[in-house]
């Protein structure tokens, strides 16, 4: 008769399988859903009196509407999402102090001294129930990018650094000049998706 083939020991197979499982769990990257980084405002002081007579001038509101066909209506004209950032930057900065853009007021800002600021400028965003999530995110990202670019430009102009590289005090000063005020209204049914 022939030689007997030795058996392969399988007592440690469970240990090997467990180590392979741990290896793949540690080395695998997970896809992260895209979303919006937002910090919610702190809760309102219960003793604070609410001003129900707030009168916001039309020139201080930058209205962006997104319909069910993912079309963007910005300040009563249809635009491409690629042009939204520049329009928002122009609105927030009002470089030529136009009467159709937010009113400016001189404010004493740390590091900058007396500075003209559009402190009442608000971006109002409203979308339709049928708006796709992708378009909603694109619009949101463009509006936030407009604020971030203005902040970076001001930081480069003053300190030759990006906004993210500044100290907290320097960042706070630039935030006073370019606050991020994006108001999102509850979605409503404007048009039906075809």
Protein backbone atom coordinates (compact mmCIF):
# COMPACT_ATOMS: atom_id res chain seq x y z
CA UNK A 1 0.00 0.00 0.00
CA UNK A 2 0.94 3.64 -0.39
CA UNK A 3 1.88 6.23 2.08
CA UNK A 4 -0.84 7.75 4.19
CA UNK A 5 -1.32 11.50 3.52
CA UNK A 6 -1.08 13.50 6.74
CA UNK A 7 -4.17 15.49 7.74
CA UNK A 8 -4.06 19.28 7.79
CA UNK A 9 -4.71 20.53 11.31
CA UNK A 10 -7.80 22.75 11.36
CA UNK A 11 -7.91 23.65 15.04
CA UNK A 12 -6.60 27.17 14.40
CA UNK A 13 -8.77 27.87 11.34
CA UNK A 14 -11.26 29.86 13.43
CA UNK A 15 -8.41 32.04 14.74
CA UNK A 16 -7.13 32.68 11.22
CA UNK A 17 -10.63 33.55 9.95
CA UNK A 18 -11.11 35.92 12.88
CA UNK A 19 -7.77 37.68 12.16
CA UNK A 20 -8.65 38.06 8.47
CA UNK A 21 -12.03 39.53 9.45
CA UNK A 22 -10.34 42.03 11.81
CA UNK A 23 -7.84 42.94 9.07
CA UNK A 24 -10.59 43.76 6.58
CA UNK A 25 -12.62 45.70 9.14
CA UNK A 26 -9.61 47.84 10.01
CA UNK A 27 -8.37 48.48 6.47
CA UNK A 28 -11.69 49.00 4.67
CA UNK A 29 -12.85 52.56 4.13
CA UNK A 30 -16.53 53.32 4.32
CA UNK A 31 -18.28 55.71 1.97
CA UNK A 32 -19.60 58.69 3.87
CA UNK A 33 -22.87 60.25 2.80
CA UNK A 34 -22.51 63.81 1.65
CA UNK A 35 -24.23 66.33 3.83
CA UNK A 36 -24.06 69.80 5.21
CA UNK A 37 -21.89 70.91 8.07
CA UNK A 38 -24.06 73.19 10.11
CA UNK A 39 -23.88 74.42 13.66
CA UNK A 40 -27.29 75.10 15.12
CA UNK A 41 -27.76 78.39 16.92
CA UNK A 42 -27.86 78.25 20.71
CA UNK A 43 -31.30 78.07 22.34
CA UNK A 44 -33.01 81.41 22.76
CA UNK A 45 -32.97 83.04 26.17
CA UNK A 46 -36.47 82.52 27.65
CA UNK A 47 -36.35 86.03 29.19
CA UNK A 48 -35.51 87.67 25.86
CA UNK A 49 -38.30 89.73 24.36
CA UNK A 50 -39.22 88.78 20.81
CA UNK A 51 -39.45 91.61 18.30
CA UNK A 52 -42.51 90.80 16.22
CA UNK A 53 -42.22 94.06 14.31
CA UNK A 54 -38.96 93.14 12.55
CA UNK A 55 -39.00 94.94 9.26
CA UNK A 56 -36.43 93.54 6.85
CA UNK A 57 -35.84 95.66 3.80
CA UNK A 58 -36.17 93.84 0.50
CA UNK A 59 -32.71 94.97 -0.61
CA UNK A 60 -31.19 93.04 2.33
CA UNK A 61 -32.62 89.68 1.25
CA UNK A 62 -31.05 87.53 -1.47
CA UNK A 63 -33.86 85.17 -2.54
CA UNK A 64 -32.96 81.78 -4.03
CA UNK A 65 -35.76 79.43 -5.08
CA UNK A 66 -35.30 75.89 -6.43
CA UNK A 67 -38.28 74.27 -8.16
CA UNK A 68 -39.21 70.61 -8.75
CA UNK A 69 -37.36 70.63 -12.10
CA UNK A 70 -34.15 71.65 -10.24
CA UNK A 71 -34.20 75.10 -11.85
CA UNK A 72 -32.76 77.91 -9.75
CA UNK A 73 -34.55 81.25 -9.60
CA UNK A 74 -32.23 83.83 -8.08
CA UNK A 75 -33.47 87.37 -7.56
CA UNK A 76 -36.32 86.75 -10.03
CA UNK A 77 -34.17 85.37 -12.86
CA UNK A 78 -33.28 81.80 -13.78
CA UNK A 79 -29.56 81.09 -13.41
CA UNK A 80 -27.19 78.17 -13.62
CA UNK A 81 -25.82 76.79 -10.35
CA UNK A 82 -22.31 77.73 -11.61
CA UNK A 83 -23.24 81.44 -11.48
CA UNK A 84 -24.86 81.31 -8.03
CA UNK A 85 -21.63 81.71 -6.05
CA UNK A 86 -20.58 84.92 -7.81
CA UNK A 87 -24.06 86.45 -7.45
CA UNK A 88 -24.11 85.60 -3.74
CA UNK A 89 -20.61 87.05 -3.26
CA UNK A 90 -21.63 90.30 -4.96
CA UNK A 91 -24.73 90.49 -2.77
CA UNK A 92 -22.85 89.84 0.49
CA UNK A 93 -19.98 92.24 -0.25
CA UNK A 94 -21.87 94.99 -2.14
CA UNK A 95 -18.48 96.32 -3.32
CA UNK A 96 -19.91 99.37 -5.13
CA UNK A 97 -22.45 100.20 -2.41
CA UNK A 98 -25.36 99.85 -4.84
CA UNK A 99 -28.85 100.76 -3.63
CA UNK A 100 -30.22 97.45 -4.94
CA UNK A 101 -27.87 95.44 -2.72
CA UNK A 102 -27.72 95.31 1.11
CA UNK A 103 -27.26 98.56 2.94
CA UNK A 104 -23.87 99.10 4.52
CA UNK A 105 -23.13 100.43 7.95
CA UNK A 106 -19.81 101.41 9.50
CA UNK A 107 -18.86 99.12 12.35
CA UNK A 108 -15.77 99.02 14.56
CA UNK A 109 -14.27 95.59 13.87
CA UNK A 110 -11.27 94.22 15.76
CA UNK A 111 -8.03 94.31 13.69
CA UNK A 112 -9.82 96.32 10.95
CA UNK A 113 -11.10 99.41 12.76
CA UNK A 114 -14.03 101.28 11.20
CA UNK A 115 -15.26 99.00 8.41
CA UNK A 116 -18.31 99.07 6.16
CA UNK A 117 -20.36 95.94 6.81
CA UNK A 118 -23.55 94.58 5.25
CA UNK A 119 -24.71 93.32 8.63
CA UNK A 120 -28.38 92.89 7.64
CA UNK A 121 -27.68 90.81 4.51
CA UNK A 122 -29.58 87.51 4.57
CA UNK A 123 -29.68 84.73 2.00
CA UNK A 124 -33.16 83.19 1.84
CA UNK A 125 -33.31 79.68 0.35
CA UNK A 126 -36.53 77.86 -0.44
CA UNK A 127 -36.90 74.64 -2.36
CA UNK A 128 -39.79 72.60 -3.69
CA UNK A 129 -40.72 69.17 -2.29
CA UNK A 130 -39.74 67.76 -5.68
CA UNK A 131 -36.21 69.26 -5.66
CA UNK A 132 -33.59 66.52 -5.86
CA UNK A 133 -31.24 66.14 -2.93
CA UNK A 134 -28.27 66.52 -5.28
CA UNK A 135 -29.44 69.95 -6.47
CA UNK A 136 -30.31 71.00 -2.94
CA UNK A 137 -26.75 70.14 -1.82
CA UNK A 138 -25.21 71.89 -4.84
CA UNK A 139 -27.12 75.10 -4.09
CA UNK A 140 -26.28 74.92 -0.38
CA UNK A 141 -22.60 74.31 -1.13
CA UNK A 142 -22.44 77.26 -3.54
CA UNK A 143 -24.00 79.62 -1.02
CA UNK A 144 -21.67 78.51 1.78
CA UNK A 145 -18.70 78.65 -0.63
CA UNK A 146 -19.56 82.28 -1.43
CA UNK A 147 -19.23 83.21 2.25
CA UNK A 148 -16.06 81.13 2.62
CA UNK A 149 -14.42 82.72 -0.44
CA UNK A 150 -15.17 86.23 0.82
CA UNK A 151 -13.68 85.32 4.19
CA UNK A 152 -10.58 83.82 2.54
CA UNK A 153 -10.13 86.91 0.33
CA UNK A 154 -10.36 89.23 3.36
CA UNK A 155 -7.90 87.06 5.33
CA UNK A 156 -5.42 87.00 2.42
CA UNK A 157 -5.77 90.76 1.99
CA UNK A 158 -5.10 91.48 5.69
CA UNK A 159 -2.76 88.68 6.85
CA UNK A 160 -1.73 86.79 3.67
CA UNK A 161 -3.22 83.62 5.16
CA UNK A 162 -6.32 81.57 4.49
CA UNK A 163 -9.25 82.07 6.85
CA UNK A 164 -8.80 78.57 8.32
CA UNK A 165 -5.17 79.38 9.25
CA UNK A 166 -6.08 82.45 11.34
CA UNK A 167 -6.44 82.65 15.10
CA UNK A 168 -9.91 82.43 16.62
CA UNK A 169 -9.89 86.20 17.28
CA UNK A 170 -8.93 86.97 13.68
CA UNK A 171 -11.62 84.59 12.38
CA UNK A 172 -14.23 86.21 14.62
CA UNK A 173 -13.31 89.64 13.22
CA UNK A 174 -13.79 88.44 9.64
CA UNK A 175 -17.06 86.73 10.62
CA UNK A 176 -18.31 90.13 11.77
CA UNK A 177 -17.58 91.51 8.31
CA UNK A 178 -19.02 88.50 6.45
CA UNK A 179 -21.50 86.67 8.68
CA UNK A 180 -23.07 83.50 7.34
CA UNK A 181 -26.81 84.16 7.43
CA UNK A 182 -28.60 81.57 5.34
CA UNK A 183 -32.30 81.26 6.09
CA UNK A 184 -33.99 78.08 4.89
CA UNK A 185 -37.74 78.19 4.55
CA UNK A 186 -39.78 75.03 4.80
CA UNK A 187 -40.14 73.34 1.39
CA UNK A 188 -43.45 73.70 -0.35
CA UNK A 189 -45.15 72.31 -3.44
CA UNK A 190 -44.53 74.88 -6.17
CA UNK A 191 -44.39 72.75 -9.28
CA UNK A 192 -44.93 69.12 -10.10
CA UNK A 193 -42.05 67.05 -11.43
CA UNK A 194 -42.72 65.89 -14.96
